């Protein structure tokens, strides 16, 4: 009989995670292969775009690394479009890069750690020009079956609720990058072209005003 169970210690593999499921063949990470044949020793698929069983992925120590485009991260792509005027081109230098590891921590929790990054070019809200910003995120997530379990997590772990025992790894990447988007994109202080106007030398009437502010007693002298 075909088996979807990899060679792992029994203590790391729950009993409910064994074997192919009825109605279709399932690999070691819970990915469905309807109408397809599997070998007697299948290799775990490592496609971050597919929905997988995260509990099995953690037990197997799944590692994912790659790139994702706007079609893979549609919510992020839509949010980026709002950061530039219509017809101004893309607000990002695609693709986004990611690296994820599913594993069990010392407490037996299923966790996902890794990084994701994307270079974006939104409109600076000070000078209305483009500003180059880098989104660099570090993920440290605990997979939980319900929000109630979030109260038991240590501060170093953020909760990620798993619905229907299925999870799309790129959804984790997309969520982190969305949270990293700046609310008000601007150049760093001192680097915005709009800052130059504030440092121009005063001229004309402004010079006189400046001198008056520097010597307020000059006004009293003029009244004598």
N, C-alpha and C. Protein backbone atom coordinates (compact mmCIF):
# COMPACT_ATOMS: atom_id res chain seq x y z
N UNK A 1 0.85 -1.20 0.00
CA UNK A 1 0.00 0.00 0.00
C UNK A 1 0.87 1.23 0.00
N UNK A 2 0.37 2.30 -0.65
CA UNK A 2 1.11 3.53 -0.69
C UNK A 2 1.01 4.22 0.65
N UNK A 3 2.09 4.84 1.07
CA UNK A 3 2.10 5.54 2.34
C UNK A 3 2.67 6.93 2.15
N UNK A 4 2.01 7.92 2.80
CA UNK A 4 2.49 9.28 2.72
C UNK A 4 3.38 9.64 3.88
N UNK A 5 3.78 8.69 4.73
CA UNK A 5 4.56 8.97 5.91
C UNK A 5 6.05 8.89 5.64
N UNK A 6 6.78 9.98 5.90
CA UNK A 6 8.23 9.93 5.72
C UNK A 6 8.88 9.19 6.86
N UNK A 7 10.16 8.96 6.71
CA UNK A 7 10.89 8.26 7.75
C UNK A 7 11.25 9.23 8.85
N UNK A 8 10.38 9.34 9.89
CA UNK A 8 10.57 10.23 11.01
C UNK A 8 10.30 9.45 12.29
N UNK A 9 10.88 9.83 13.41
CA UNK A 9 10.58 9.16 14.68
C UNK A 9 9.10 9.25 14.98
N UNK A 10 8.53 8.19 15.57
CA UNK A 10 7.11 8.16 15.87
C UNK A 10 6.70 9.30 16.77
N UNK A 11 7.57 9.75 17.66
CA UNK A 11 7.23 10.81 18.60
C UNK A 11 7.00 12.14 17.90
N UNK A 12 7.52 12.29 16.67
CA UNK A 12 7.39 13.55 15.94
C UNK A 12 6.24 13.51 14.95
N UNK A 13 5.56 12.39 14.86
CA UNK A 13 4.53 12.24 13.83
C UNK A 13 3.22 11.76 14.45
N UNK A 14 2.20 12.60 14.53
CA UNK A 14 0.95 12.19 15.16
C UNK A 14 0.27 11.09 14.38
N UNK A 15 -0.50 10.28 15.08
CA UNK A 15 -1.13 9.11 14.45
C UNK A 15 -2.12 9.51 13.37
N UNK A 16 -2.77 10.72 13.52
CA UNK A 16 -3.76 11.11 12.54
C UNK A 16 -3.14 11.55 11.23
N UNK A 17 -1.82 11.68 11.21
CA UNK A 17 -1.15 12.20 10.01
C UNK A 17 -0.64 11.11 9.10
N UNK A 18 -0.99 9.85 9.34
CA UNK A 18 -0.43 8.76 8.56
C UNK A 18 -1.29 8.43 7.35
N UNK A 19 -0.60 8.04 6.28
CA UNK A 19 -1.26 7.43 5.15
C UNK A 19 -2.04 8.37 4.27
N UNK A 20 -2.36 7.92 3.04
CA UNK A 20 -3.15 8.73 2.12
C UNK A 20 -4.59 8.84 2.59
N UNK A 21 -5.25 9.93 2.25
CA UNK A 21 -6.62 10.13 2.65
C UNK A 21 -7.58 9.58 1.61
N UNK A 22 -8.77 9.24 2.06
CA UNK A 22 -9.79 8.73 1.15
C UNK A 22 -10.20 9.84 0.18
N UNK A 23 -10.36 9.50 -1.08
CA UNK A 23 -10.79 10.46 -2.07
C UNK A 23 -9.64 11.09 -2.84
N UNK A 24 -8.44 10.67 -2.56
CA UNK A 24 -7.30 11.22 -3.29
C UNK A 24 -6.02 10.90 -2.56
N UNK A 25 -4.92 10.83 -3.30
CA UNK A 25 -3.64 10.55 -2.68
C UNK A 25 -3.09 11.80 -2.02
N UNK A 26 -2.47 11.61 -0.86
CA UNK A 26 -1.93 12.72 -0.10
C UNK A 26 -0.47 12.45 0.19
N UNK A 27 0.38 13.45 -0.04
CA UNK A 27 1.79 13.24 0.22
C UNK A 27 2.11 13.51 1.68
N UNK A 28 3.39 13.52 2.02
CA UNK A 28 3.80 13.62 3.42
C UNK A 28 3.45 14.95 4.06
N UNK A 29 3.15 15.96 3.27
CA UNK A 29 2.80 17.26 3.83
C UNK A 29 1.31 17.54 3.72
N UNK A 30 0.54 16.53 3.34
CA UNK A 30 -0.90 16.71 3.26
C UNK A 30 -1.36 17.35 1.98
N UNK A 31 -0.52 17.44 0.98
CA UNK A 31 -0.91 18.02 -0.30
C UNK A 31 -1.63 16.98 -1.15
N UNK A 32 -2.76 17.36 -1.70
CA UNK A 32 -3.58 16.43 -2.45
C UNK A 32 -3.08 16.26 -3.89
N UNK A 33 -3.15 15.04 -4.38
CA UNK A 33 -2.81 14.71 -5.76
C UNK A 33 -3.99 14.00 -6.40
N UNK A 34 -5.09 14.66 -6.67
CA UNK A 34 -6.25 13.98 -7.26
C UNK A 34 -5.94 13.44 -8.64
N UNK A 35 -6.25 12.17 -8.83
CA UNK A 35 -6.07 11.54 -10.13
C UNK A 35 -4.63 11.32 -10.52
N UNK A 36 -3.67 11.52 -9.60
CA UNK A 36 -2.26 11.34 -9.92
C UNK A 36 -1.70 10.17 -9.14
N UNK A 37 -0.63 9.57 -9.66
CA UNK A 37 0.02 8.46 -9.00
C UNK A 37 1.19 8.96 -8.19
N UNK A 38 1.41 8.34 -7.05
CA UNK A 38 2.54 8.67 -6.22
C UNK A 38 3.45 7.46 -6.15
N UNK A 39 4.74 7.72 -6.01
CA UNK A 39 5.68 6.62 -5.86
C UNK A 39 5.59 6.08 -4.45
N UNK A 40 6.20 4.94 -4.20
CA UNK A 40 6.18 4.33 -2.87
C UNK A 40 6.96 5.16 -1.87
N UNK A 41 7.86 6.02 -2.35
CA UNK A 41 8.65 6.87 -1.47
C UNK A 41 8.61 8.30 -2.00
N UNK A 42 7.47 8.98 -1.83
CA UNK A 42 7.33 10.33 -2.40
C UNK A 42 8.19 11.33 -1.66
N UNK A 43 8.63 12.33 -2.40
CA UNK A 43 9.35 13.44 -1.79
C UNK A 43 8.36 14.52 -1.41
N UNK A 44 8.51 15.12 -0.24
CA UNK A 44 7.60 16.20 0.14
C UNK A 44 7.69 17.35 -0.86
N UNK A 45 6.54 17.83 -1.30
CA UNK A 45 6.53 18.97 -2.21
C UNK A 45 6.90 20.23 -1.44
N UNK A 46 7.58 21.13 -2.10
CA UNK A 46 8.02 22.35 -1.44
C UNK A 46 7.56 23.57 -2.23
N UNK A 47 6.28 23.62 -2.54
CA UNK A 47 5.71 24.73 -3.28
C UNK A 47 4.97 25.63 -2.31
N UNK A 48 5.50 26.82 -2.07
CA UNK A 48 4.90 27.74 -1.11
C UNK A 48 3.56 28.28 -1.59
N UNK A 49 3.24 28.08 -2.88
CA UNK A 49 1.97 28.57 -3.40
C UNK A 49 0.82 27.60 -3.10
N UNK A 50 1.13 26.37 -2.80
CA UNK A 50 0.11 25.36 -2.55
C UNK A 50 -0.32 25.37 -1.09
N UNK A 51 -1.54 24.92 -0.84
CA UNK A 51 -2.02 24.76 0.53
C UNK A 51 -1.55 23.41 1.05
N UNK A 52 -0.94 23.42 2.23
CA UNK A 52 -0.42 22.19 2.79
C UNK A 52 -0.89 22.01 4.23
N UNK A 53 -0.62 20.87 4.77
CA UNK A 53 -0.93 20.57 6.17
C UNK A 53 0.24 21.09 7.00
N UNK A 54 0.09 22.19 7.74
CA UNK A 54 1.22 22.77 8.45
C UNK A 54 1.73 21.91 9.59
N UNK A 55 0.85 21.09 10.18
CA UNK A 55 1.27 20.22 11.28
C UNK A 55 2.26 19.17 10.76
N UNK A 56 1.97 18.62 9.61
CA UNK A 56 2.88 17.65 9.01
C UNK A 56 4.16 18.34 8.54
N UNK A 57 4.01 19.55 8.02
CA UNK A 57 5.20 20.28 7.57
C UNK A 57 6.15 20.53 8.73
N UNK A 58 5.60 20.87 9.90
CA UNK A 58 6.44 21.11 11.08
C UNK A 58 7.10 19.82 11.54
N UNK A 59 6.36 18.72 11.50
CA UNK A 59 6.93 17.45 11.90
C UNK A 59 8.04 17.00 10.96
N UNK A 60 7.90 17.35 9.68
CA UNK A 60 8.89 16.96 8.69
C UNK A 60 10.05 17.95 8.59
N UNK A 61 9.95 19.12 9.26
CA UNK A 61 11.01 20.12 9.17
C UNK A 61 11.12 20.74 7.80
N UNK A 62 9.97 21.04 7.19
CA UNK A 62 9.95 21.58 5.83
C UNK A 62 10.62 22.94 5.75
N UNK A 63 11.48 23.13 4.76
CA UNK A 63 12.12 24.42 4.49
C UNK A 63 11.73 24.89 3.09
N UNK A 64 11.33 26.15 2.98
CA UNK A 64 10.92 26.74 1.72
C UNK A 64 11.72 28.01 1.46
N UNK A 65 12.13 28.20 0.23
CA UNK A 65 12.87 29.40 -0.13
C UNK A 65 12.59 29.71 -1.59
N UNK A 66 12.34 30.98 -1.89
CA UNK A 66 12.07 31.32 -3.28
C UNK A 66 11.65 32.75 -3.45
N UNK A 67 10.96 33.02 -4.58
CA UNK A 67 10.52 34.35 -4.93
C UNK A 67 9.04 34.31 -5.27
N UNK A 68 8.37 35.45 -5.09
CA UNK A 68 6.94 35.55 -5.35
C UNK A 68 6.64 36.86 -6.05
N UNK A 69 5.76 36.80 -7.05
CA UNK A 69 5.38 37.98 -7.80
C UNK A 69 4.03 38.51 -7.35
N UNK A 70 3.55 39.58 -7.99
CA UNK A 70 2.27 40.17 -7.59
C UNK A 70 1.09 39.21 -7.73
N UNK A 71 1.14 38.29 -8.68
CA UNK A 71 0.05 37.33 -8.82
C UNK A 71 0.01 36.36 -7.65
N UNK A 72 1.15 36.13 -7.01
CA UNK A 72 1.21 35.24 -5.85
C UNK A 72 0.77 35.94 -4.57
N UNK A 73 0.90 37.28 -4.54
CA UNK A 73 0.58 38.08 -3.36
C UNK A 73 -0.41 39.18 -3.75
N UNK A 74 -1.64 38.80 -4.11
CA UNK A 74 -2.59 39.78 -4.67
C UNK A 74 -2.99 40.88 -3.69
N UNK A 75 -3.15 40.56 -2.41
CA UNK A 75 -3.53 41.60 -1.45
C UNK A 75 -2.43 42.64 -1.29
N UNK A 76 -1.18 42.18 -1.28
CA UNK A 76 -0.06 43.09 -1.18
C UNK A 76 0.04 43.95 -2.43
N UNK A 77 -0.14 43.35 -3.59
CA UNK A 77 -0.07 44.09 -4.85
C UNK A 77 -1.13 45.18 -4.90
N UNK A 78 -2.33 44.88 -4.41
CA UNK A 78 -3.41 45.87 -4.40
C UNK A 78 -3.09 47.01 -3.44
N UNK A 79 -2.53 46.67 -2.27
CA UNK A 79 -2.17 47.71 -1.31
C UNK A 79 -1.08 48.62 -1.85
N UNK A 80 -0.14 48.06 -2.60
CA UNK A 80 0.94 48.86 -3.17
C UNK A 80 0.43 49.81 -4.25
N UNK A 81 -0.58 49.40 -5.00
CA UNK A 81 -1.14 50.26 -6.04
C UNK A 81 -1.69 51.55 -5.45
N UNK A 82 -2.16 51.49 -4.20
CA UNK A 82 -2.73 52.68 -3.56
C UNK A 82 -1.65 53.66 -3.12
N UNK A 83 -0.38 53.26 -3.19
CA UNK A 83 0.71 54.12 -2.73
C UNK A 83 1.33 54.95 -3.85
N UNK A 84 0.79 54.81 -5.07
CA UNK A 84 1.28 55.62 -6.20
C UNK A 84 0.08 56.12 -6.99
N UNK A 85 0.23 57.26 -7.69
CA UNK A 85 -0.88 57.76 -8.52
C UNK A 85 -1.18 56.80 -9.67
N UNK A 86 -2.39 56.89 -10.18
CA UNK A 86 -2.77 56.06 -11.33
C UNK A 86 -1.86 56.34 -12.51
N UNK A 87 -1.41 55.27 -13.14
CA UNK A 87 -0.57 55.41 -14.31
C UNK A 87 0.88 55.73 -14.01
N UNK A 88 1.26 55.72 -12.73
CA UNK A 88 2.63 56.06 -12.36
C UNK A 88 3.56 54.85 -12.35
N UNK A 89 3.04 53.69 -12.72
CA UNK A 89 3.87 52.50 -12.74
C UNK A 89 3.81 51.72 -11.44
N UNK A 90 4.61 50.70 -11.37
CA UNK A 90 4.60 49.82 -10.21
C UNK A 90 5.21 50.49 -8.99
N UNK A 91 4.68 50.14 -7.83
CA UNK A 91 5.21 50.67 -6.57
C UNK A 91 6.17 49.69 -5.92
N UNK A 92 6.59 48.67 -6.65
CA UNK A 92 7.51 47.68 -6.08
C UNK A 92 8.46 47.16 -7.15
N UNK A 93 9.60 46.71 -6.69
CA UNK A 93 10.54 46.03 -7.57
C UNK A 93 10.40 44.53 -7.30
N UNK A 94 9.45 43.94 -7.98
CA UNK A 94 9.20 42.51 -7.82
C UNK A 94 10.36 41.70 -8.38
N UNK A 95 10.57 40.48 -7.88
CA UNK A 95 9.73 39.72 -6.95
C UNK A 95 10.12 39.93 -5.50
N UNK A 96 9.21 39.50 -4.61
CA UNK A 96 9.52 39.42 -3.19
C UNK A 96 10.32 38.15 -2.95
N UNK A 97 11.17 38.16 -1.94
CA UNK A 97 11.98 36.99 -1.60
C UNK A 97 11.58 36.47 -0.22
N UNK A 98 11.61 35.17 -0.07
CA UNK A 98 11.21 34.60 1.22
C UNK A 98 12.03 33.35 1.55
N UNK A 99 12.10 33.07 2.83
CA UNK A 99 12.75 31.86 3.33
C UNK A 99 12.01 31.45 4.60
N UNK A 100 11.41 30.27 4.59
CA UNK A 100 10.59 29.80 5.70
C UNK A 100 11.03 28.42 6.16
N UNK A 101 10.92 28.17 7.45
CA UNK A 101 11.20 26.85 8.01
C UNK A 101 10.07 26.47 8.95
N UNK A 102 9.43 25.34 8.68
CA UNK A 102 8.41 24.76 9.57
C UNK A 102 9.12 23.77 10.48
N UNK A 103 8.85 23.86 11.78
CA UNK A 103 9.50 22.95 12.72
C UNK A 103 8.77 22.96 14.05
N UNK A 104 9.22 22.09 14.95
CA UNK A 104 8.70 22.06 16.32
C UNK A 104 9.75 22.67 17.23
N UNK A 105 9.30 23.54 18.17
CA UNK A 105 10.25 24.13 19.10
C UNK A 105 10.43 23.22 20.31
N UNK A 106 11.20 23.68 21.29
CA UNK A 106 11.50 22.84 22.45
C UNK A 106 10.26 22.50 23.26
N UNK A 107 9.24 23.33 23.17
CA UNK A 107 7.99 23.08 23.90
C UNK A 107 7.02 22.21 23.10
N UNK A 108 7.43 21.79 21.90
CA UNK A 108 6.57 20.96 21.08
C UNK A 108 5.60 21.73 20.22
N UNK A 109 5.69 23.05 20.24
CA UNK A 109 4.80 23.87 19.40
C UNK A 109 5.23 23.80 17.94
N UNK A 110 4.26 23.88 17.04
CA UNK A 110 4.56 23.98 15.61
C UNK A 110 4.81 25.45 15.30
N UNK A 111 6.00 25.76 14.83
CA UNK A 111 6.37 27.15 14.58
C UNK A 111 6.89 27.32 13.15
N UNK A 112 6.82 28.56 12.69
CA UNK A 112 7.37 28.92 11.39
C UNK A 112 8.30 30.12 11.60
N UNK A 113 9.54 29.98 11.21
CA UNK A 113 10.50 31.07 11.31
C UNK A 113 11.08 31.35 9.93
N UNK A 114 11.60 32.56 9.76
CA UNK A 114 12.20 32.88 8.47
C UNK A 114 12.23 34.38 8.22
N UNK A 115 12.41 34.73 6.96
CA UNK A 115 12.49 36.13 6.56
C UNK A 115 11.77 36.32 5.23
N UNK A 116 11.39 37.57 4.96
CA UNK A 116 10.85 37.92 3.66
C UNK A 116 11.21 39.38 3.40
N UNK A 117 11.33 39.73 2.12
CA UNK A 117 11.79 41.07 1.77
C UNK A 117 11.24 41.49 0.42
N UNK A 118 11.06 42.81 0.27
CA UNK A 118 10.61 43.37 -1.00
C UNK A 118 11.04 44.83 -1.06
N UNK A 119 11.54 45.25 -2.21
CA UNK A 119 11.88 46.66 -2.43
C UNK A 119 10.67 47.37 -3.01
N UNK A 120 10.25 48.47 -2.35
CA UNK A 120 9.09 49.21 -2.83
C UNK A 120 9.47 50.64 -3.19
N UNK A 121 8.63 51.27 -4.06
CA UNK A 121 8.88 52.64 -4.52
C UNK A 121 7.58 53.43 -4.46
N UNK A 122 7.08 53.70 -3.26
CA UNK A 122 5.84 54.47 -3.14
C UNK A 122 6.09 55.96 -3.37
N UNK A 123 5.02 56.74 -3.37
CA UNK A 123 5.12 58.19 -3.50
C UNK A 123 5.40 58.81 -2.14
N UNK A 124 6.43 59.62 -2.08
CA UNK A 124 6.76 60.33 -0.84
C UNK A 124 5.68 61.37 -0.57
N UNK A 125 5.11 61.36 0.62
CA UNK A 125 4.03 62.28 0.94
C UNK A 125 4.51 63.69 1.26
N UNK A 126 5.83 63.89 1.26
CA UNK A 126 6.37 65.23 1.49
C UNK A 126 6.68 65.93 0.16
N UNK A 127 7.41 65.25 -0.72
CA UNK A 127 7.83 65.89 -1.97
C UNK A 127 7.07 65.37 -3.19
N UNK A 128 6.26 64.31 -3.00
CA UNK A 128 5.46 63.70 -4.07
C UNK A 128 6.31 63.03 -5.14
N UNK A 129 7.58 62.81 -4.84
CA UNK A 129 8.43 62.02 -5.72
C UNK A 129 8.47 60.58 -5.23
N UNK A 130 9.16 59.74 -5.97
CA UNK A 130 9.28 58.34 -5.57
C UNK A 130 10.37 58.20 -4.51
N UNK A 131 10.14 57.30 -3.57
CA UNK A 131 11.11 57.02 -2.53
C UNK A 131 11.38 55.51 -2.50
N UNK A 132 12.64 55.13 -2.46
CA UNK A 132 13.02 53.72 -2.41
C UNK A 132 13.09 53.27 -0.96
N UNK A 133 12.27 52.27 -0.63
CA UNK A 133 12.23 51.73 0.72
C UNK A 133 12.34 50.22 0.67
N UNK A 134 12.97 49.65 1.65
CA UNK A 134 13.11 48.20 1.72
C UNK A 134 12.26 47.63 2.84
N UNK A 135 11.43 46.65 2.50
CA UNK A 135 10.67 45.91 3.51
C UNK A 135 11.45 44.65 3.84
N UNK A 136 11.95 44.56 5.05
CA UNK A 136 12.70 43.38 5.50
C UNK A 136 12.06 42.88 6.77
N UNK A 137 11.47 41.71 6.68
CA UNK A 137 10.69 41.17 7.81
C UNK A 137 11.29 39.87 8.32
N UNK A 138 11.23 39.70 9.63
CA UNK A 138 11.62 38.45 10.27
C UNK A 138 10.36 37.81 10.84
N UNK A 139 10.13 36.55 10.48
CA UNK A 139 8.95 35.84 10.94
C UNK A 139 9.30 34.94 12.11
N UNK A 140 8.44 34.94 13.10
CA UNK A 140 8.55 34.01 14.22
C UNK A 140 7.14 33.72 14.69
N UNK A 141 6.52 32.72 14.06
CA UNK A 141 5.10 32.45 14.24
C UNK A 141 4.86 31.10 14.90
N UNK A 142 3.83 31.06 15.72
CA UNK A 142 3.36 29.80 16.30
C UNK A 142 2.04 29.44 15.64
N UNK A 143 1.94 28.26 15.09
CA UNK A 143 0.72 27.81 14.44
C UNK A 143 -0.25 27.32 15.50
N UNK A 144 -1.45 27.87 15.50
CA UNK A 144 -2.46 27.49 16.49
C UNK A 144 -3.76 27.17 15.79
N UNK A 145 -4.58 26.34 16.44
CA UNK A 145 -5.84 25.92 15.85
C UNK A 145 -6.98 26.88 16.15
N UNK A 146 -6.83 27.72 17.19
CA UNK A 146 -7.86 28.70 17.53
C UNK A 146 -7.21 29.90 18.19
N UNK A 147 -7.90 31.04 18.14
CA UNK A 147 -7.37 32.26 18.71
C UNK A 147 -7.21 32.16 20.23
N UNK A 148 -7.98 31.29 20.87
CA UNK A 148 -7.89 31.13 22.32
C UNK A 148 -6.50 30.65 22.74
N UNK A 149 -5.83 29.92 21.86
CA UNK A 149 -4.50 29.40 22.19
C UNK A 149 -3.42 30.49 22.16
N UNK A 150 -3.75 31.65 21.61
CA UNK A 150 -2.76 32.72 21.52
C UNK A 150 -2.34 33.23 22.89
N UNK A 151 -3.22 33.12 23.88
CA UNK A 151 -2.92 33.62 25.23
C UNK A 151 -1.79 32.83 25.88
N UNK A 152 -1.53 31.62 25.41
CA UNK A 152 -0.52 30.77 26.04
C UNK A 152 0.85 30.91 25.37
N UNK A 153 0.96 31.75 24.37
CA UNK A 153 2.22 31.87 23.64
C UNK A 153 3.17 32.84 24.33
N UNK A 154 4.47 32.58 24.24
CA UNK A 154 5.46 33.53 24.78
C UNK A 154 5.51 34.77 23.91
N UNK A 155 6.01 35.89 24.45
CA UNK A 155 6.05 37.15 23.69
C UNK A 155 6.84 37.07 22.38
N UNK A 156 7.79 36.16 22.31
CA UNK A 156 8.64 36.08 21.12
C UNK A 156 7.92 35.46 19.92
N UNK A 157 6.76 34.86 20.13
CA UNK A 157 6.03 34.20 19.06
C UNK A 157 4.72 34.93 18.77
N UNK A 158 4.46 35.19 17.50
CA UNK A 158 3.19 35.75 17.07
C UNK A 158 2.28 34.61 16.64
N UNK A 159 0.98 34.72 16.91
CA UNK A 159 0.07 33.63 16.55
C UNK A 159 -0.29 33.64 15.07
N UNK A 160 -0.48 32.46 14.52
CA UNK A 160 -0.98 32.29 13.15
C UNK A 160 -2.03 31.19 13.20
N UNK A 161 -3.28 31.58 13.08
CA UNK A 161 -4.38 30.62 13.19
C UNK A 161 -4.49 29.80 11.91
N UNK A 162 -4.55 28.50 12.05
CA UNK A 162 -4.67 27.58 10.92
C UNK A 162 -6.13 27.15 10.80
N UNK A 163 -6.73 27.39 9.65
CA UNK A 163 -8.12 27.03 9.43
C UNK A 163 -8.21 25.76 8.59
N UNK A 164 -9.06 24.86 9.02
CA UNK A 164 -9.31 23.60 8.29
C UNK A 164 -8.04 22.78 8.08
N UNK A 165 -7.07 22.92 9.00
CA UNK A 165 -5.82 22.14 8.93
C UNK A 165 -5.09 22.35 7.61
N UNK A 166 -5.27 23.51 7.00
CA UNK A 166 -4.59 23.81 5.75
C UNK A 166 -4.03 25.23 5.84
N UNK A 167 -2.89 25.43 5.19
CA UNK A 167 -2.24 26.73 5.22
C UNK A 167 -1.43 26.91 3.94
N UNK A 168 -1.51 28.10 3.37
CA UNK A 168 -0.70 28.46 2.20
C UNK A 168 0.49 29.26 2.70
N UNK A 169 1.70 28.73 2.62
CA UNK A 169 2.86 29.44 3.17
C UNK A 169 3.01 30.87 2.68
N UNK A 170 2.68 31.13 1.42
CA UNK A 170 2.82 32.49 0.92
C UNK A 170 1.85 33.46 1.59
N UNK A 171 0.78 32.94 2.20
CA UNK A 171 -0.12 33.82 2.94
C UNK A 171 0.60 34.41 4.16
N UNK A 172 1.49 33.63 4.77
CA UNK A 172 2.27 34.13 5.90
C UNK A 172 3.22 35.24 5.43
N UNK A 173 3.84 35.03 4.28
CA UNK A 173 4.74 36.02 3.72
C UNK A 173 3.98 37.31 3.40
N UNK A 174 2.83 37.16 2.76
CA UNK A 174 2.04 38.32 2.37
C UNK A 174 1.59 39.12 3.59
N UNK A 175 1.18 38.44 4.64
CA UNK A 175 0.71 39.13 5.84
C UNK A 175 1.82 39.94 6.49
N UNK A 176 3.02 39.37 6.55
CA UNK A 176 4.14 40.09 7.15
C UNK A 176 4.51 41.33 6.34
N UNK A 177 4.52 41.22 5.03
CA UNK A 177 4.86 42.36 4.19
C UNK A 177 3.78 43.44 4.24
N UNK A 178 2.53 43.03 4.36
CA UNK A 178 1.46 44.01 4.51
C UNK A 178 1.61 44.81 5.80
N UNK A 179 1.96 44.11 6.87
CA UNK A 179 2.14 44.79 8.15
C UNK A 179 3.34 45.74 8.13
N UNK A 180 4.29 45.47 7.24
CA UNK A 180 5.50 46.30 7.18
C UNK A 180 5.34 47.53 6.30
N UNK A 181 4.23 47.64 5.56
CA UNK A 181 4.03 48.80 4.69
C UNK A 181 3.95 50.08 5.52
N UNK A 182 4.62 51.14 5.10
CA UNK A 182 4.56 52.41 5.85
C UNK A 182 3.19 53.07 5.72
N UNK A 183 2.68 53.63 6.81
CA UNK A 183 1.40 54.32 6.76
C UNK A 183 1.53 55.63 5.98
N UNK A 184 2.64 56.33 6.15
CA UNK A 184 2.90 57.57 5.43
C UNK A 184 4.30 57.48 4.83
N UNK A 185 4.41 57.01 3.58
CA UNK A 185 5.75 56.87 2.97
C UNK A 185 6.44 58.22 2.81
N UNK A 186 7.67 58.31 3.25
CA UNK A 186 8.45 59.54 3.09
C UNK A 186 9.93 59.18 3.02
N UNK A 187 10.70 60.09 2.42
CA UNK A 187 12.14 59.95 2.44
C UNK A 187 12.63 60.07 3.89
N UNK A 188 13.77 59.46 4.21
CA UNK A 188 14.36 59.69 5.53
C UNK A 188 14.65 61.17 5.74
N UNK A 189 14.67 61.59 6.98
CA UNK A 189 14.91 63.01 7.31
C UNK A 189 16.23 63.47 6.70
N UNK A 190 16.16 64.59 6.00
CA UNK A 190 17.35 65.15 5.38
C UNK A 190 17.63 64.66 3.98
N UNK A 191 16.87 63.65 3.49
CA UNK A 191 17.12 63.10 2.16
C UNK A 191 16.03 63.44 1.16
N UNK A 192 14.97 64.04 1.64
CA UNK A 192 13.85 64.36 0.75
C UNK A 192 14.14 65.65 -0.02
N UNK A 193 13.93 65.69 -1.34
CA UNK A 193 14.12 66.93 -2.10
C UNK A 193 13.26 68.07 -1.57
N UNK A 194 12.13 67.73 -0.95
CA UNK A 194 11.26 68.76 -0.39
C UNK A 194 11.87 69.47 0.79
N UNK A 195 12.90 68.88 1.40
CA UNK A 195 13.57 69.52 2.53
C UNK A 195 14.41 70.71 2.10
N UNK A 196 14.80 70.78 0.81
CA UNK A 196 15.72 71.82 0.35
C UNK A 196 15.12 73.21 0.51
N UNK A 197 13.80 73.35 0.30
CA UNK A 197 13.16 74.65 0.40
C UNK A 197 13.26 75.22 1.80
N UNK A 198 13.31 74.34 2.78
CA UNK A 198 13.36 74.80 4.16
C UNK A 198 14.73 75.36 4.52
N UNK A 199 15.74 75.08 3.69
CA UNK A 199 17.10 75.51 3.99
C UNK A 199 17.58 76.62 3.07
N UNK A 200 16.68 77.21 2.26
CA UNK A 200 17.08 78.28 1.37
C UNK A 200 17.41 79.54 2.17
N UNK A 201 18.35 80.35 1.66
CA UNK A 201 18.72 81.59 2.33
C UNK A 201 17.57 82.59 2.22
N UNK A 202 17.18 83.26 3.31
CA UNK A 202 16.10 84.24 3.23
C UNK A 202 16.52 85.45 2.42
N UNK A 203 15.55 86.15 1.79
CA UNK A 203 15.86 87.31 0.97
C UNK A 203 14.76 88.34 1.12
N UNK A 204 15.03 89.60 0.73
CA UNK A 204 14.03 90.65 0.72
C UNK A 204 13.50 90.95 2.10
N UNK A 205 12.15 91.04 2.18
CA UNK A 205 11.50 91.38 3.43
C UNK A 205 11.77 90.34 4.51
N UNK A 206 11.98 89.09 4.07
CA UNK A 206 12.23 88.03 5.05
C UNK A 206 13.51 88.28 5.82
N UNK A 207 14.49 88.94 5.16
CA UNK A 207 15.75 89.23 5.83
C UNK A 207 15.52 90.21 6.96
N UNK A 208 14.72 91.26 6.67
CA UNK A 208 14.44 92.25 7.69
C UNK A 208 13.69 91.64 8.87
N UNK A 209 12.72 90.77 8.52
CA UNK A 209 11.97 90.10 9.58
C UNK A 209 12.88 89.28 10.45
N UNK A 210 13.83 88.60 9.81
CA UNK A 210 14.76 87.76 10.55
C UNK A 210 15.62 88.59 11.49
N UNK A 211 16.07 89.78 11.00
CA UNK A 211 16.90 90.64 11.84
C UNK A 211 16.10 91.19 13.02
N UNK A 212 14.83 91.49 12.77
CA UNK A 212 13.99 91.99 13.85
C UNK A 212 13.81 90.96 14.94
N UNK A 213 13.62 89.69 14.50
CA UNK A 213 13.47 88.62 15.49
C UNK A 213 14.76 88.42 16.27
N UNK A 214 15.90 88.67 15.61
CA UNK A 214 17.16 88.48 16.30
C UNK A 214 17.42 89.58 17.33
N UNK A 215 16.88 90.84 17.10
CA UNK A 215 17.12 91.96 18.01
C UNK A 215 15.78 92.67 18.31
N UNK A 216 14.99 92.14 19.22
CA UNK A 216 13.68 92.74 19.50
C UNK A 216 13.78 94.14 20.06
N UNK A 217 14.92 94.54 20.66
CA UNK A 217 15.06 95.89 21.22
C UNK A 217 15.18 96.95 20.14
N UNK A 218 15.43 96.54 18.89
CA UNK A 218 15.50 97.51 17.80
C UNK A 218 14.16 98.20 17.60
N UNK A 219 13.06 97.51 17.88
CA UNK A 219 11.75 98.12 17.75
C UNK A 219 11.57 99.26 18.75
N UNK A 220 12.02 99.06 20.01
CA UNK A 220 11.91 100.09 21.04
C UNK A 220 12.75 101.30 20.70
N UNK A 221 13.94 101.06 20.13
CA UNK A 221 14.84 102.17 19.77
C UNK A 221 14.22 103.03 18.68
N UNK A 222 13.47 102.42 17.81
CA UNK A 222 12.87 103.18 16.70
C UNK A 222 11.74 104.09 17.18
N UNK A 223 11.15 103.79 18.35
CA UNK A 223 10.04 104.58 18.87
C UNK A 223 10.50 105.80 19.66
N UNK A 224 11.77 105.92 19.99
CA UNK A 224 12.27 107.05 20.78
C UNK A 224 12.39 108.30 19.93
